[in-house]
C-alpha atoms as a PDB file:
ATOM      1  CA  MET A   1     -23.241  87.265 -83.105  1.00  0.00           C
ATOM      2  CA  THR A   2     -25.132  89.633 -80.587  1.00  0.00           C
ATOM      3  CA  ASP A   3     -28.448  88.889 -78.822  1.00  0.00           C
ATOM      4  CA  LYS A   4     -30.675  91.900 -78.950  1.00  0.00           C
ATOM      5  CA  THR A   5     -33.130  91.708 -76.206  1.00  0.00           C
ATOM      6  CA  SER A   6     -35.898  94.361 -76.590  1.00  0.00           C
ATOM      7  CA  LEU A   7     -37.284  96.104 -72.985  1.00  0.00           C
ATOM      8  CA  SER A   8     -40.434  97.450 -72.408  1.00  0.00           C
ATOM      9  CA  TYR A   9     -41.177 100.415 -70.501  1.00  0.00           C
ATOM     10  CA  LYS A  10     -43.357  97.896 -68.357  1.00  0.00           C
ATOM     11  CA  ASP A  11     -40.271  95.720 -67.945  1.00  0.00           C
ATOM     12  CA  ALA A  12     -38.693  98.684 -66.601  1.00  0.00           C
ATOM     13  CA  GLY A  13     -41.012  99.104 -64.051  1.00  0.00           C
ATOM     14  CA  VAL A  14     -42.851 102.258 -65.693  1.00  0.00           C
ATOM     15  CA  ASP A  15     -46.642 102.036 -65.573  1.00  0.00           C
ATOM     16  CA  ILE A  16     -48.100 104.303 -68.122  1.00  0.00           C
ATOM     17  CA  ASP A  17     -51.413 103.863 -67.560  1.00  0.00           C
ATOM     18  CA  ALA A  18     -50.834 105.038 -63.475  1.00  0.00           C
ATOM     19  CA  GLY A  19     -49.164 107.890 -64.971  1.00  0.00           C
ATOM     20  CA  ASN A  20     -51.660 109.016 -67.257  1.00  0.00           C
ATOM     21  CA  ALA A  21     -54.222 108.500 -64.282  1.00  0.00           C
ATOM     22  CA  LEU A  22     -52.013 110.946 -62.105  1.00  0.00           C
ATOM     23  CA  VAL A  23     -51.798 113.463 -64.870  1.00  0.00           C
ATOM     24  CA  ASP A  24     -55.832 113.473 -64.871  1.00  0.00           C
ATOM     25  CA  ARG A  25     -55.864 113.378 -60.918  1.00  0.00           C
ATOM     26  CA  ILE A  26     -53.582 116.699 -60.648  1.00  0.00           C
ATOM     27  CA  LYS A  27     -54.751 118.865 -63.392  1.00  0.00           C
ATOM     28  CA  GLY A  28     -57.174 120.985 -61.698  1.00  0.00           C
ATOM     29  CA  VAL A  29     -54.452 121.814 -59.084  1.00  0.00           C
ATOM     30  CA  VAL A  30     -51.920 122.438 -61.756  1.00  0.00           C
ATOM     31  CA  LYS A  31     -54.256 124.646 -63.906  1.00  0.00           C
ATOM     32  CA  LYS A  32     -54.742 126.799 -60.900  1.00  0.00           C
ATOM     33  CA  THR A  33     -50.579 127.706 -60.895  1.00  0.00           C
ATOM     34  CA  ARG A  34     -50.736 128.913 -64.863  1.00  0.00           C
ATOM     35  CA  ARG A  35     -48.936 131.925 -65.217  1.00  0.00           C
ATOM     36  CA  PRO A  36     -48.242 134.218 -68.479  1.00  0.00           C
ATOM     37  CA  GLU A  37     -44.860 132.783 -68.596  1.00  0.00           C
ATOM     38  CA  VAL A  38     -46.043 129.235 -68.788  1.00  0.00           C
ATOM     39  CA  MET A  39     -45.886 128.231 -72.707  1.00  0.00           C
ATOM     40  CA  GLY A  40     -47.713 124.920 -72.558  1.00  0.00           C
ATOM     41  CA  GLY A  41     -50.108 122.677 -70.975  1.00  0.00           C
ATOM     42  CA  LEU A  42     -49.907 119.625 -68.608  1.00  0.00           C
ATOM     43  CA  GLY A  43     -50.003 115.942 -70.234  1.00  0.00           C
END
């Protein structure tokens, strides 16, 4: 029998809230680089 242990993003060292905060901080700078070739937005 195998023991399946679930691993969360937090357990793996990923901080989703910090990532979202980073996206919010850089949106203005990234928006300035927009070109016609860009198909999507950020975040």
